[in-house]
Amino acid sequence: MDLNEIKQYCHNKKGVSDKFPFDDETLTIKVGSRMFLLTNIRSSVLKISLKCEPLFSIDLRRDYKAVEPGYHLNKKHWNTVTVGEDVDDDKIKFLIDMSYDLAFKGLKKSEKLEILNDL
C-alpha cells in the first residue's frame, strides 16, 4: 500500500478527517477528535503509527520486523509499522481497523452519536 491507498482506506470509514496539528509534515488521521493514524508525509520510507491493544502489540512486535513501539507515542498503546516490509496489506488494513475502533471507543457518547447519525 502507498500513502494514498492508506488515506483512501481510512476515509471510507465514518467520521474521518485529516489534520496537521503538529507541523506541516505529520499527518494525523482522526475519527472525530481522536487520532488513530499518524505518518510523516515527507519521509522517504512510509511508516504509519497506529493504536493497538497492548497485549496484541507484544505479539506483533515479536512476529514482524516492521512493527516497532510507537515513535514519540505511548509505547504501550501505539505501534509504528514500516509499510512494504513484512506486514502484508491485509494485515495493515486489519491494524488500521483496530486503531480506528479503539479511537472511536474513546470518544464521548455525544461525539459517537454525531458520527453514527451523519450517515
PDB file of N, CA and C in Angstrom:
ATOM      1  N   MET A   1       0.846  -1.189   0.000  1.00  0.00           N
ATOM      2  CA  MET A   1       0.000   0.000   0.000  1.00  0.00           C
ATOM      3  C   MET A   1       0.886   1.245   0.000  1.00  0.00           C
ATOM      4  N   ASP A   2       0.394   2.278  -0.644  1.00  0.00           N
ATOM      5  CA  ASP A   2       1.078   3.558  -0.561  1.00  0.00           C
ATOM      6  C   ASP A   2       0.225   4.505   0.293  1.00  0.00           C
ATOM      7  N   LEU A   3       0.723   5.712   0.503  1.00  0.00           N
ATOM      8  CA  LEU A   3       0.027   6.645   1.390  1.00  0.00           C
ATOM      9  C   LEU A   3      -1.374   6.968   0.883  1.00  0.00           C
ATOM     10  N   ASN A   4      -1.517   7.165  -0.419  1.00  0.00           N
ATOM     11  CA  ASN A   4      -2.845   7.482  -0.953  1.00  0.00           C
ATOM     12  C   ASN A   4      -3.832   6.342  -0.730  1.00  0.00           C
ATOM     13  N   GLU A   5      -3.389   5.107  -0.893  1.00  0.00           N
ATOM     14  CA  GLU A   5      -4.259   3.954  -0.647  1.00  0.00           C
ATOM     15  C   GLU A   5      -4.648   3.870   0.832  1.00  0.00           C
ATOM     16  N   ILE A   6      -3.697   4.152   1.698  1.00  0.00           N
ATOM     17  CA  ILE A   6      -3.978   4.137   3.138  1.00  0.00           C
ATOM     18  C   ILE A   6      -4.989   5.226   3.489  1.00  0.00           C
ATOM     19  N   LYS A   7      -4.771   6.427   2.962  1.00  0.00           N
ATOM     20  CA  LYS A   7      -5.708   7.521   3.229  1.00  0.00           C
ATOM     21  C   LYS A   7      -7.101   7.189   2.708  1.00  0.00           C
ATOM     22  N   GLN A   8      -7.172   6.639   1.509  1.00  0.00           N
ATOM     23  CA  GLN A   8      -8.467   6.276   0.934  1.00  0.00           C
ATOM     24  C   GLN A   8      -9.157   5.216   1.795  1.00  0.00           C
ATOM     25  N   TYR A   9      -8.400   4.231   2.244  1.00  0.00           N
ATOM     26  CA  TYR A   9      -8.969   3.192   3.101  1.00  0.00           C
ATOM     27  C   TYR A   9      -9.535   3.814   4.387  1.00  0.00           C
ATOM     28  N   CYS A  10      -8.772   4.714   4.982  1.00  0.00           N
ATOM     29  CA  CYS A  10      -9.228   5.373   6.214  1.00  0.00           C
ATOM     30  C   CYS A  10     -10.477   6.212   5.970  1.00  0.00           C
ATOM     31  N   HIS A  11     -10.504   6.927   4.862  1.00  0.00           N
ATOM     32  CA  HIS A  11     -11.614   7.838   4.595  1.00  0.00           C
ATOM     33  C   HIS A  11     -12.892   7.122   4.185  1.00  0.00           C
ATOM     34  N   ASN A  12     -12.828   5.827   3.979  1.00  0.00           N
ATOM     35  CA  ASN A  12     -14.046   5.048   3.749  1.00  0.00           C
ATOM     36  C   ASN A  12     -14.779   4.768   5.058  1.00  0.00           C
ATOM     37  N   LYS A  13     -14.170   5.135   6.167  1.00  0.00           N
ATOM     38  CA  LYS A  13     -14.774   4.941   7.485  1.00  0.00           C
ATOM     39  C   LYS A  13     -15.534   6.209   7.897  1.00  0.00           C
ATOM     40  N   LYS A  14     -16.451   6.065   8.826  1.00  0.00           N
ATOM     41  CA  LYS A  14     -17.289   7.184   9.273  1.00  0.00           C
ATOM     42  C   LYS A  14     -16.502   8.161  10.145  1.00  0.00           C
ATOM     43  N   GLY A  15     -16.744   9.458   9.923  1.00  0.00           N
ATOM     44  CA  GLY A  15     -16.228  10.490  10.814  1.00  0.00           C
ATOM     45  C   GLY A  15     -14.747  10.771  10.719  1.00  0.00           C
ATOM     46  N   VAL A  16     -14.120  10.432   9.587  1.00  0.00           N
ATOM     47  CA  VAL A  16     -12.662  10.543   9.454  1.00  0.00           C
ATOM     48  C   VAL A  16     -12.263  11.880   8.835  1.00  0.00           C
ATOM     49  N   SER A  17     -11.185  12.458   9.362  1.00  0.00           N
ATOM     50  CA  SER A  17     -10.633  13.700   8.811  1.00  0.00           C
ATOM     51  C   SER A  17      -9.113  13.684   8.917  1.00  0.00           C
ATOM     52  N   ASP A  18      -8.480  14.471   8.063  1.00  0.00           N
ATOM     53  CA  ASP A  18      -7.026  14.659   8.083  1.00  0.00           C
ATOM     54  C   ASP A  18      -6.713  15.967   8.791  1.00  0.00           C
ATOM     55  N   LYS A  19      -5.669  15.967   9.593  1.00  0.00           N
ATOM     56  CA  LYS A  19      -5.231  17.180  10.292  1.00  0.00           C
ATOM     57  C   LYS A  19      -3.705  17.210  10.321  1.00  0.00           C
ATOM     58  N   PHE A  20      -3.162  18.412  10.466  1.00  0.00           N
ATOM     59  CA  PHE A  20      -1.725  18.617  10.662  1.00  0.00           C
ATOM     60  C   PHE A  20      -1.534  19.450  11.932  1.00  0.00           C
ATOM     61  N   PRO A  21      -1.819  18.887  13.111  1.00  0.00           N
ATOM     62  CA  PRO A  21      -1.787  19.676  14.340  1.00  0.00           C
ATOM     63  C   PRO A  21      -0.386  19.975  14.866  1.00  0.00           C
ATOM     64  N   PHE A  22       0.614  19.224  14.423  1.00  0.00           N
ATOM     65  CA  PHE A  22       1.958  19.367  14.984  1.00  0.00           C
ATOM     66  C   PHE A  22       2.874  20.204  14.100  1.00  0.00           C
ATOM     67  N   ASP A  23       2.855  19.923  12.812  1.00  0.00           N
ATOM     68  CA  ASP A  23       3.689  20.626  11.839  1.00  0.00           C
ATOM     69  C   ASP A  23       3.129  20.320  10.459  1.00  0.00           C
ATOM     70  N   ASP A  24       3.819  20.782   9.403  1.00  0.00           N
ATOM     71  CA  ASP A  24       3.292  20.560   8.053  1.00  0.00           C
ATOM     72  C   ASP A  24       3.730  19.227   7.445  1.00  0.00           C
ATOM     73  N   GLU A  25       4.378  18.378   8.236  1.00  0.00           N
ATOM     74  CA  GLU A  25       4.827  17.071   7.750  1.00  0.00           C
ATOM     75  C   GLU A  25       4.081  15.909   8.389  1.00  0.00           C
ATOM     76  N   THR A  26       3.591  16.096   9.600  1.00  0.00           N
ATOM     77  CA  THR A  26       2.983  14.993  10.347  1.00  0.00           C
ATOM     78  C   THR A  26       1.477  14.987  10.141  1.00  0.00           C
ATOM     79  N   LEU A  27       1.041  14.090   9.276  1.00  0.00           N
ATOM     80  CA  LEU A  27      -0.380  13.916   9.014  1.00  0.00           C
ATOM     81  C   LEU A  27      -0.991  13.067  10.117  1.00  0.00           C
ATOM     82  N   THR A  28      -2.067  13.551  10.693  1.00  0.00           N
ATOM     83  CA  THR A  28      -2.832  12.737  11.634  1.00  0.00           C
ATOM     84  C   THR A  28      -4.187  12.475  11.000  1.00  0.00           C
ATOM     85  N   ILE A  29      -4.617  11.245  11.080  1.00  0.00           N
ATOM     86  CA  ILE A  29      -5.948  10.885  10.605  1.00  0.00           C
ATOM     87  C   ILE A  29      -6.763  10.568  11.848  1.00  0.00           C
ATOM     88  N   LYS A  30      -7.911  11.239  11.938  1.00  0.00           N
ATOM     89  CA  LYS A  30      -8.727  11.171  13.149  1.00  0.00           C
ATOM     90  C   LYS A  30     -10.110  10.629  12.845  1.00  0.00           C
ATOM     91  N   VAL A  31     -10.696  10.007  13.855  1.00  0.00           N
ATOM     92  CA  VAL A  31     -12.132   9.775  13.876  1.00  0.00           C
ATOM     93  C   VAL A  31     -12.654  10.723  14.943  1.00  0.00           C
ATOM     94  N   GLY A  32     -13.503  11.642  14.521  1.00  0.00           N
ATOM     95  CA  GLY A  32     -13.937  12.681  15.444  1.00  0.00           C
ATOM     96  C   GLY A  32     -12.731  13.449  15.944  1.00  0.00           C
ATOM     97  N   SER A  33     -12.578  13.526  17.254  1.00  0.00           N
ATOM     98  CA  SER A  33     -11.464  14.277  17.847  1.00  0.00           C
ATOM     99  C   SER A  33     -10.276  13.395  18.227  1.00  0.00           C
ATOM    100  N   ARG A  34     -10.329  12.107  17.898  1.00  0.00           N
ATOM    101  CA  ARG A  34      -9.278  11.160  18.316  1.00  0.00           C
ATOM    102  C   ARG A  34      -8.422  10.702  17.143  1.00  0.00           C
ATOM    103  N   MET A  35      -7.109  10.769  17.334  1.00  0.00           N
ATOM    104  CA  MET A  35      -6.182  10.272  16.321  1.00  0.00           C
ATOM    105  C   MET A  35      -6.182   8.748  16.313  1.00  0.00           C
ATOM    106  N   PHE A  36      -6.106   8.187  15.102  1.00  0.00           N
ATOM    107  CA  PHE A  36      -5.905   6.743  15.019  1.00  0.00           C
ATOM    108  C   PHE A  36      -4.781   6.371  14.063  1.00  0.00           C
ATOM    109  N   LEU A  37      -4.235   7.344  13.325  1.00  0.00           N
ATOM    110  CA  LEU A  37      -3.095   7.091  12.450  1.00  0.00           C
ATOM    111  C   LEU A  37      -2.268   8.362  12.338  1.00  0.00           C
ATOM    112  N   LEU A  38      -0.954   8.204  12.403  1.00  0.00           N
ATOM    113  CA  LEU A  38      -0.026   9.311  12.180  1.00  0.00           C
ATOM    114  C   LEU A  38       1.030   8.851  11.194  1.00  0.00           C
ATOM    115  N   THR A  39       1.495   9.778  10.355  1.00  0.00           N
ATOM    116  CA  THR A  39       2.591   9.472   9.449  1.00  0.00           C
ATOM    117  C   THR A  39       3.286  10.763   9.034  1.00  0.00           C
ATOM    118  N   ASN A  40       4.548  10.649   8.686  1.00  0.00           N
ATOM    119  CA  ASN A  40       5.303  11.778   8.154  1.00  0.00           C
ATOM    120  C   ASN A  40       5.190  11.714   6.637  1.00  0.00           C
ATOM    121  N   ILE A  41       4.529  12.702   6.040  1.00  0.00           N
ATOM    122  CA  ILE A  41       4.266  12.660   4.601  1.00  0.00           C
ATOM    123  C   ILE A  41       5.505  12.963   3.763  1.00  0.00           C
ATOM    124  N   ARG A  42       6.568  13.459   4.374  1.00  0.00           N
ATOM    125  CA  ARG A  42       7.781  13.785   3.630  1.00  0.00           C
ATOM    126  C   ARG A  42       8.874  12.720   3.762  1.00  0.00           C
ATOM    127  N   SER A  43       8.625  11.703   4.528  1.00  0.00           N
ATOM    128  CA  SER A  43       9.623  10.657   4.747  1.00  0.00           C
ATOM    129  C   SER A  43       9.777   9.802   3.490  1.00  0.00           C
ATOM    130  N   SER A  44      11.002   9.380   3.212  1.00  0.00           N
ATOM    131  CA  SER A  44      11.248   8.513   2.054  1.00  0.00           C
ATOM    132  C   SER A  44      10.764   7.089   2.309  1.00  0.00           C
ATOM    133  N   VAL A  45      10.618   6.718   3.572  1.00  0.00           N
ATOM    134  CA  VAL A  45      10.102   5.399   3.956  1.00  0.00           C
ATOM    135  C   VAL A  45       8.754   5.613   4.634  1.00  0.00           C
ATOM    136  N   LEU A  46       7.721   4.948   4.116  1.00  0.00           N
ATOM    137  CA  LEU A  46       6.380   5.122   4.674  1.00  0.00           C
ATOM    138  C   LEU A  46       6.244   4.330   5.966  1.00  0.00           C
ATOM    139  N   LYS A  47       6.055   5.057   7.050  1.00  0.00           N
ATOM    140  CA  LYS A  47       5.804   4.463   8.359  1.00  0.00           C
ATOM    141  C   LYS A  47       4.515   5.063   8.883  1.00  0.00           C
ATOM    142  N   ILE A  48       3.654   4.194   9.415  1.00  0.00           N
ATOM    143  CA  ILE A  48       2.401   4.666   9.996  1.00  0.00           C
ATOM    144  C   ILE A  48       2.337   4.232  11.455  1.00  0.00           C
ATOM    145  N   SER A  49       1.874   5.131  12.295  1.00  0.00           N
ATOM    146  CA  SER A  49       1.693   4.812  13.709  1.00  0.00           C
ATOM    147  C   SER A  49       0.214   4.603  13.956  1.00  0.00           C
ATOM    148  N   LEU A  50      -0.094   3.492  14.644  1.00  0.00           N
ATOM    149  CA  LEU A  50      -1.473   3.069  14.858  1.00  0.00           C
ATOM    150  C   LEU A  50      -1.699   2.664  16.307  1.00  0.00           C
ATOM    151  N   LYS A  51      -2.885   2.963  16.830  1.00  0.00           N
ATOM    152  CA  LYS A  51      -3.266   2.472  18.159  1.00  0.00           C
ATOM    153  C   LYS A  51      -3.417   0.957  18.091  1.00  0.00           C
ATOM    154  N   CYS A  52      -3.181   0.292  19.220  1.00  0.00           N
ATOM    155  CA  CYS A  52      -3.276  -1.162  19.239  1.00  0.00           C
ATOM    156  C   CYS A  52      -3.573  -1.642  20.656  1.00  0.00           C
ATOM    157  N   GLU A  53      -4.254  -2.767  20.744  1.00  0.00           N
ATOM    158  CA  GLU A  53      -4.458  -3.414  22.042  1.00  0.00           C
ATOM    159  C   GLU A  53      -3.086  -3.770  22.611  1.00  0.00           C
ATOM    160  N   PRO A  54      -2.790  -3.418  23.851  1.00  0.00           N
ATOM    161  CA  PRO A  54      -1.450  -3.625  24.414  1.00  0.00           C
ATOM    162  C   PRO A  54      -0.919  -5.055  24.314  1.00  0.00           C
ATOM    163  N   LEU A  55      -1.718  -6.045  24.627  1.00  0.00           N
ATOM    164  CA  LEU A  55      -1.220  -7.424  24.571  1.00  0.00           C
ATOM    165  C   LEU A  55      -0.968  -7.872  23.136  1.00  0.00           C
ATOM    166  N   PHE A  56      -1.792  -7.409  22.212  1.00  0.00           N
ATOM    167  CA  PHE A  56      -1.598  -7.745  20.804  1.00  0.00           C
ATOM    168  C   PHE A  56      -0.332  -7.084  20.265  1.00  0.00           C
ATOM    169  N   SER A  57      -0.013  -5.894  20.780  1.00  0.00           N
ATOM    170  CA  SER A  57       1.215  -5.200  20.360  1.00  0.00           C
ATOM    171  C   SER A  57       2.452  -6.048  20.615  1.00  0.00           C
ATOM    172  N   ILE A  58       2.467  -6.717  21.743  1.00  0.00           N
ATOM    173  CA  ILE A  58       3.616  -7.563  22.091  1.00  0.00           C
ATOM    174  C   ILE A  58       3.809  -8.644  21.038  1.00  0.00           C
ATOM    175  N   ASP A  59       2.720  -9.304  20.652  1.00  0.00           N
ATOM    176  CA  ASP A  59       2.798 -10.357  19.635  1.00  0.00           C
ATOM    177  C   ASP A  59       3.233  -9.798  18.286  1.00  0.00           C
ATOM    178  N   LEU A  60       2.666  -8.668  17.898  1.00  0.00           N
ATOM    179  CA  LEU A  60       3.021  -8.069  16.611  1.00  0.00           C
ATOM    180  C   LEU A  60       4.503  -7.729  16.548  1.00  0.00           C
ATOM    181  N   ARG A  61       5.014  -7.132  17.598  1.00  0.00           N
ATOM    182  CA  ARG A  61       6.424  -6.731  17.622  1.00  0.00           C
ATOM    183  C   ARG A  61       7.347  -7.938  17.598  1.00  0.00           C
ATOM    184  N   ARG A  62       6.893  -9.038  18.154  1.00  0.00           N
ATOM    185  CA  ARG A  62       7.683 -10.268  18.143  1.00  0.00           C
ATOM    186  C   ARG A  62       7.651 -10.915  16.755  1.00  0.00           C
ATOM    187  N   ASP A  63       6.490 -10.875  16.103  1.00  0.00           N
ATOM    188  CA  ASP A  63       6.289 -11.611  14.857  1.00  0.00           C
ATOM    189  C   ASP A  63       6.684 -10.856  13.595  1.00  0.00           C
ATOM    190  N   TYR A  64       6.739  -9.528  13.650  1.00  0.00           N
ATOM    191  CA  TYR A  64       7.011  -8.726  12.458  1.00  0.00           C
ATOM    192  C   TYR A  64       8.159  -7.754  12.706  1.00  0.00           C
ATOM    193  N   LYS A  65       9.133  -7.809  11.852  1.00  0.00           N
ATOM    194  CA  LYS A  65      10.263  -6.881  11.928  1.00  0.00           C
ATOM    195  C   LYS A  65       9.802  -5.433  11.717  1.00  0.00           C
ATOM    196  N   ALA A  66       8.765  -5.260  10.908  1.00  0.00           N
ATOM    197  CA  ALA A  66       8.287  -3.925  10.538  1.00  0.00           C
ATOM    198  C   ALA A  66       7.471  -3.241  11.632  1.00  0.00           C
ATOM    199  N   VAL A  67       7.146  -3.953  12.697  1.00  0.00           N
ATOM    200  CA  VAL A  67       6.314  -3.375  13.767  1.00  0.00           C
ATOM    201  C   VAL A  67       7.193  -3.067  14.972  1.00  0.00           C
ATOM    202  N   GLU A  68       7.200  -1.787  15.341  1.00  0.00           N
ATOM    203  CA  GLU A  68       8.016  -1.308  16.461  1.00  0.00           C
ATOM    204  C   GLU A  68       7.131  -0.511  17.421  1.00  0.00           C
ATOM    205  N   PRO A  69       7.599  -0.297  18.629  1.00  0.00           N
ATOM    206  CA  PRO A  69       6.842   0.574  19.540  1.00  0.00           C
ATOM    207  C   PRO A  69       6.619   1.946  18.903  1.00  0.00           C
ATOM    208  N   GLY A  70       5.498   2.557  19.191  1.00  0.00           N
ATOM    209  CA  GLY A  70       5.135   3.830  18.588  1.00  0.00           C
ATOM    210  C   GLY A  70       6.205   4.897  18.751  1.00  0.00           C
ATOM    211  N   TYR A  71       6.558   5.530  17.644  1.00  0.00           N
ATOM    212  CA  TYR A  71       7.580   6.574  17.624  1.00  0.00           C
ATOM    213  C   TYR A  71       7.001   7.850  18.224  1.00  0.00           C
ATOM    214  N   HIS A  72       7.597   8.334  19.303  1.00  0.00           N
ATOM    215  CA  HIS A  72       7.145   9.541  20.023  1.00  0.00           C
ATOM    216  C   HIS A  72       5.711   9.413  20.537  1.00  0.00           C
ATOM    217  N   LEU A  73       5.290   8.186  20.830  1.00  0.00           N
ATOM    218  CA  LEU A  73       3.932   7.941  21.315  1.00  0.00           C
ATOM    219  C   LEU A  73       3.988   6.997  22.504  1.00  0.00           C
ATOM    220  N   ASN A  74       2.863   6.815  23.165  1.00  0.00           N
ATOM    221  CA  ASN A  74       2.783   5.867  24.268  1.00  0.00           C
ATOM    222  C   ASN A  74       3.039   4.465  23.721  1.00  0.00           C
ATOM    223  N   LYS A  75       4.156   3.895  24.093  1.00  0.00           N
ATOM    224  CA  LYS A  75       4.601   2.629  23.508  1.00  0.00           C
ATOM    225  C   LYS A  75       3.728   1.445  23.908  1.00  0.00           C
ATOM    226  N   LYS A  76       2.941   1.613  24.938  1.00  0.00           N
ATOM    227  CA  LYS A  76       2.018   0.547  25.339  1.00  0.00           C
ATOM    228  C   LYS A  76       0.823   0.472  24.380  1.00  0.00           C
ATOM    229  N   HIS A  77       0.390   1.608  23.883  1.00  0.00           N
ATOM    230  CA  HIS A  77      -0.845   1.679  23.099  1.00  0.00           C
ATOM    231  C   HIS A  77      -0.646   1.982  21.619  1.00  0.00           C
ATOM    232  N   TRP A  78       0.582   2.245  21.187  1.00  0.00           N
ATOM    233  CA  TRP A  78       0.827   2.612  19.792  1.00  0.00           C
ATOM    234  C   TRP A  78       1.973   1.789  19.215  1.00  0.00           C
ATOM    235  N   ASN A  79       1.822   1.419  17.941  1.00  0.00           N
ATOM    236  CA  ASN A  79       2.886   0.781  17.170  1.00  0.00           C
ATOM    237  C   ASN A  79       3.190   1.641  15.958  1.00  0.00           C
ATOM    238  N   THR A  80       4.429   1.590  15.501  1.00  0.00           N
ATOM    239  CA  THR A  80       4.799   2.184  14.230  1.00  0.00           C
ATOM    240  C   THR A  80       5.138   1.045  13.280  1.00  0.00           C
ATOM    241  N   VAL A  81       4.477   1.054  12.120  1.00  0.00           N
ATOM    242  CA  VAL A  81       4.617  -0.015  11.132  1.00  0.00           C
ATOM    243  C   VAL A  81       5.298   0.542   9.892  1.00  0.00           C
ATOM    244  N   THR A  82       6.391  -0.093   9.475  1.00  0.00           N
ATOM    245  CA  THR A  82       7.039   0.272   8.219  1.00  0.00           C
ATOM    246  C   THR A  82       6.300  -0.453   7.103  1.00  0.00           C
ATOM    247  N   VAL A  83       5.632   0.319   6.258  1.00  0.00           N
ATOM    248  CA  VAL A  83       4.814  -0.240   5.184  1.00  0.00           C
ATOM    249  C   VAL A  83       5.735  -0.771   4.087  1.00  0.00           C
ATOM    250  N   GLY A  84       5.388  -1.939   3.568  1.00  0.00           N
ATOM    251  CA  GLY A  84       6.163  -2.522   2.480  1.00  0.00           C
ATOM    252  C   GLY A  84       7.214  -3.504   2.938  1.00  0.00           C
ATOM    253  N   GLU A  85       7.332  -3.714   4.230  1.00  0.00           N
ATOM    254  CA  GLU A  85       8.276  -4.722   4.723  1.00  0.00           C
ATOM    255  C   GLU A  85       7.533  -6.046   4.873  1.00  0.00           C
ATOM    256  N   ASP A  86       7.527  -6.630   6.042  1.00  0.00           N
ATOM    257  CA  ASP A  86       6.980  -7.979   6.212  1.00  0.00           C
ATOM    258  C   ASP A  86       5.529  -8.022   6.688  1.00  0.00           C
ATOM    259  N   VAL A  87       4.831  -6.900   6.652  1.00  0.00           N
ATOM    260  CA  VAL A  87       3.415  -6.862   7.015  1.00  0.00           C
ATOM    261  C   VAL A  87       2.621  -6.651   5.723  1.00  0.00           C
ATOM    262  N   ASP A  88       1.778  -7.626   5.376  1.00  0.00           N
ATOM    263  CA  ASP A  88       1.046  -7.518   4.107  1.00  0.00           C
ATOM    264  C   ASP A  88      -0.113  -6.522   4.217  1.00  0.00           C
ATOM    265  N   ASP A  89      -0.680  -6.180   3.060  1.00  0.00           N
ATOM    266  CA  ASP A  89      -1.728  -5.160   3.004  1.00  0.00           C
ATOM    267  C   ASP A  89      -2.954  -5.529   3.831  1.00  0.00           C
ATOM    268  N   ASP A  90      -3.327  -6.795   3.818  1.00  0.00           N
ATOM    269  CA  ASP A  90      -4.493  -7.210   4.607  1.00  0.00           C
ATOM    270  C   ASP A  90      -4.256  -7.006   6.104  1.00  0.00           C
ATOM    271  N   LYS A  91      -3.055  -7.293   6.559  1.00  0.00           N
ATOM    272  CA  LYS A  91      -2.727  -7.091   7.976  1.00  0.00           C
ATOM    273  C   LYS A  91      -2.704  -5.592   8.294  1.00  0.00           C
ATOM    274  N   ILE A  92      -2.181  -4.778   7.387  1.00  0.00           N
ATOM    275  CA  ILE A  92      -2.181  -3.326   7.602  1.00  0.00           C
ATOM    276  C   ILE A  92      -3.618  -2.818   7.719  1.00  0.00           C
ATOM    277  N   LYS A  93      -4.496  -3.290   6.855  1.00  0.00           N
ATOM    278  CA  LYS A  93      -5.907  -2.887   6.937  1.00  0.00           C
ATOM    279  C   LYS A  93      -6.519  -3.332   8.263  1.00  0.00           C
ATOM    280  N   PHE A  94      -6.196  -4.531   8.694  1.00  0.00           N
ATOM    281  CA  PHE A  94      -6.681  -5.030   9.982  1.00  0.00           C
ATOM    282  C   PHE A  94      -6.205  -4.123  11.121  1.00  0.00           C
ATOM    283  N   LEU A  95      -4.936  -3.722  11.074  1.00  0.00           N
ATOM    284  CA  LEU A  95      -4.379  -2.859  12.120  1.00  0.00           C
ATOM    285  C   LEU A  95      -5.000  -1.464  12.082  1.00  0.00           C
ATOM    286  N   ILE A  96      -5.276  -0.958  10.876  1.00  0.00           N
ATOM    287  CA  ILE A  96      -5.969   0.327  10.750  1.00  0.00           C
ATOM    288  C   ILE A  96      -7.370   0.216  11.346  1.00  0.00           C
ATOM    289  N   ASP A  97      -8.057  -0.882  11.043  1.00  0.00           N
ATOM    290  CA  ASP A  97      -9.405  -1.093  11.589  1.00  0.00           C
ATOM    291  C   ASP A  97      -9.379  -1.114  13.114  1.00  0.00           C
ATOM    292  N   MET A  98      -8.406  -1.821  13.678  1.00  0.00           N
ATOM    293  CA  MET A  98      -8.296  -1.895  15.131  1.00  0.00           C
ATOM    294  C   MET A  98      -8.038  -0.509  15.718  1.00  0.00           C
ATOM    295  N   SER A  99      -7.141   0.232  15.107  1.00  0.00           N
ATOM    296  CA  SER A  99      -6.811   1.565  15.593  1.00  0.00           C
ATOM    297  C   SER A  99      -8.038   2.481  15.544  1.00  0.00           C
ATOM    298  N   TYR A 100      -8.752   2.438  14.432  1.00  0.00           N
ATOM    299  CA  TYR A 100      -9.979   3.230  14.293  1.00  0.00           C
ATOM    300  C   TYR A 100     -10.976   2.857  15.393  1.00  0.00           C
ATOM    301  N   ASP A 101     -11.192   1.556  15.583  1.00  0.00           N
ATOM    302  CA  ASP A 101     -12.156   1.095  16.588  1.00  0.00           C
ATOM    303  C   ASP A 101     -11.767   1.542  17.996  1.00  0.00           C
ATOM    304  N   LEU A 102     -10.481   1.452  18.319  1.00  0.00           N
ATOM    305  CA  LEU A 102     -10.024   1.883  19.643  1.00  0.00           C
ATOM    306  C   LEU A 102     -10.226   3.387  19.831  1.00  0.00           C
ATOM    307  N   ALA A 103      -9.915   4.159  18.796  1.00  0.00           N
ATOM    308  CA  ALA A 103     -10.104   5.608  18.884  1.00  0.00           C
ATOM    309  C   ALA A 103     -11.591   5.941  19.007  1.00  0.00           C
ATOM    310  N   PHE A 104     -12.416   5.269  18.211  1.00  0.00           N
ATOM    311  CA  PHE A 104     -13.862   5.516  18.261  1.00  0.00           C
ATOM    312  C   PHE A 104     -14.418   5.203  19.647  1.00  0.00           C
ATOM    313  N   LYS A 105     -13.974   4.104  20.234  1.00  0.00           N
ATOM    314  CA  LYS A 105     -14.438   3.729  21.578  1.00  0.00           C
ATOM    315  C   LYS A 105     -14.083   4.791  22.613  1.00  0.00           C
ATOM    316  N   GLY A 106     -13.009   5.537  22.378  1.00  0.00           N
ATOM    317  CA  GLY A 106     -12.575   6.555  23.320  1.00  0.00           C
ATOM    318  C   GLY A 106     -13.298   7.884  23.196  1.00  0.00           C
ATOM    319  N   LEU A 107     -14.163   8.017  22.199  1.00  0.00           N
ATOM    320  CA  LEU A 107     -14.909   9.260  22.019  1.00  0.00           C
ATOM    321  C   LEU A 107     -16.015   9.385  23.059  1.00  0.00           C
ATOM    322  N   LYS A 108     -16.406  10.614  23.325  1.00  0.00           N
ATOM    323  CA  LYS A 108     -17.571  10.853  24.179  1.00  0.00           C
ATOM    324  C   LYS A 108     -18.810  10.315  23.469  1.00  0.00           C
ATOM    325  N   LYS A 109     -19.789   9.928  24.253  1.00  0.00           N
ATOM    326  CA  LYS A 109     -21.014   9.355  23.694  1.00  0.00           C
ATOM    327  C   LYS A 109     -21.655  10.302  22.680  1.00  0.00           C
ATOM    328  N   SER A 110     -21.685  11.581  22.990  1.00  0.00           N
ATOM    329  CA  SER A 110     -22.305  12.555  22.088  1.00  0.00           C
ATOM    330  C   SER A 110     -21.574  12.618  20.747  1.00  0.00           C
ATOM    331  N   GLU A 111     -20.255  12.509  20.791  1.00  0.00           N
ATOM    332  CA  GLU A 111     -19.477  12.543  19.553  1.00  0.00           C
ATOM    333  C   GLU A 111     -19.684  11.262  18.738  1.00  0.00           C
ATOM    334  N   LYS A 112     -19.763  10.127  19.420  1.00  0.00           N
ATOM    335  CA  LYS A 112     -20.057   8.861  18.730  1.00  0.00           C
ATOM    336  C   LYS A 112     -21.399   8.946  18.008  1.00  0.00           C
ATOM    337  N   LEU A 113     -22.411   9.442  18.720  1.00  0.00           N
ATOM    338  CA  LEU A 113     -23.747   9.540  18.127  1.00  0.00           C
ATOM    339  C   LEU A 113     -23.755  10.480  16.933  1.00  0.00           C
ATOM    340  N   GLU A 114     -23.040  11.581  17.037  1.00  0.00           N
ATOM    341  CA  GLU A 114     -22.959  12.533  15.931  1.00  0.00           C
ATOM    342  C   GLU A 114     -22.364  11.867  14.693  1.00  0.00           C
ATOM    343  N   ILE A 115     -21.296  11.085  14.880  1.00  0.00           N
ATOM    344  CA  ILE A 115     -20.652  10.390  13.762  1.00  0.00           C
ATOM    345  C   ILE A 115     -21.586   9.329  13.192  1.00  0.00           C
ATOM    346  N   LEU A 116     -22.206   8.548  14.045  1.00  0.00           N
ATOM    347  CA  LEU A 116     -23.090   7.475  13.585  1.00  0.00           C
ATOM    348  C   LEU A 116     -24.334   8.012  12.879  1.00  0.00           C
ATOM    349  N   ASN A 117     -24.821   9.165  13.309  1.00  0.00           N
ATOM    350  CA  ASN A 117     -26.020   9.753  12.698  1.00  0.00           C
ATOM    351  C   ASN A 117     -25.710  10.552  11.444  1.00  0.00           C
ATOM    352  N   ASP A 118     -24.444  10.737  11.147  1.00  0.00           N
ATOM    353  CA  ASP A 118     -24.027  11.535   9.993  1.00  0.00           C
ATOM    354  C   ASP A 118     -23.834  10.647   8.765  1.00  0.00           C
ATOM    355  N   LEU A 119     -24.669   9.641   8.634  1.00  0.00           N
ATOM    356  CA  LEU A 119     -24.548   8.712   7.504  1.00  0.00           C
ATOM    357  C   LEU A 119     -25.138   9.335   6.322  1.00  0.00           C
TER     358      LEU A 119
END
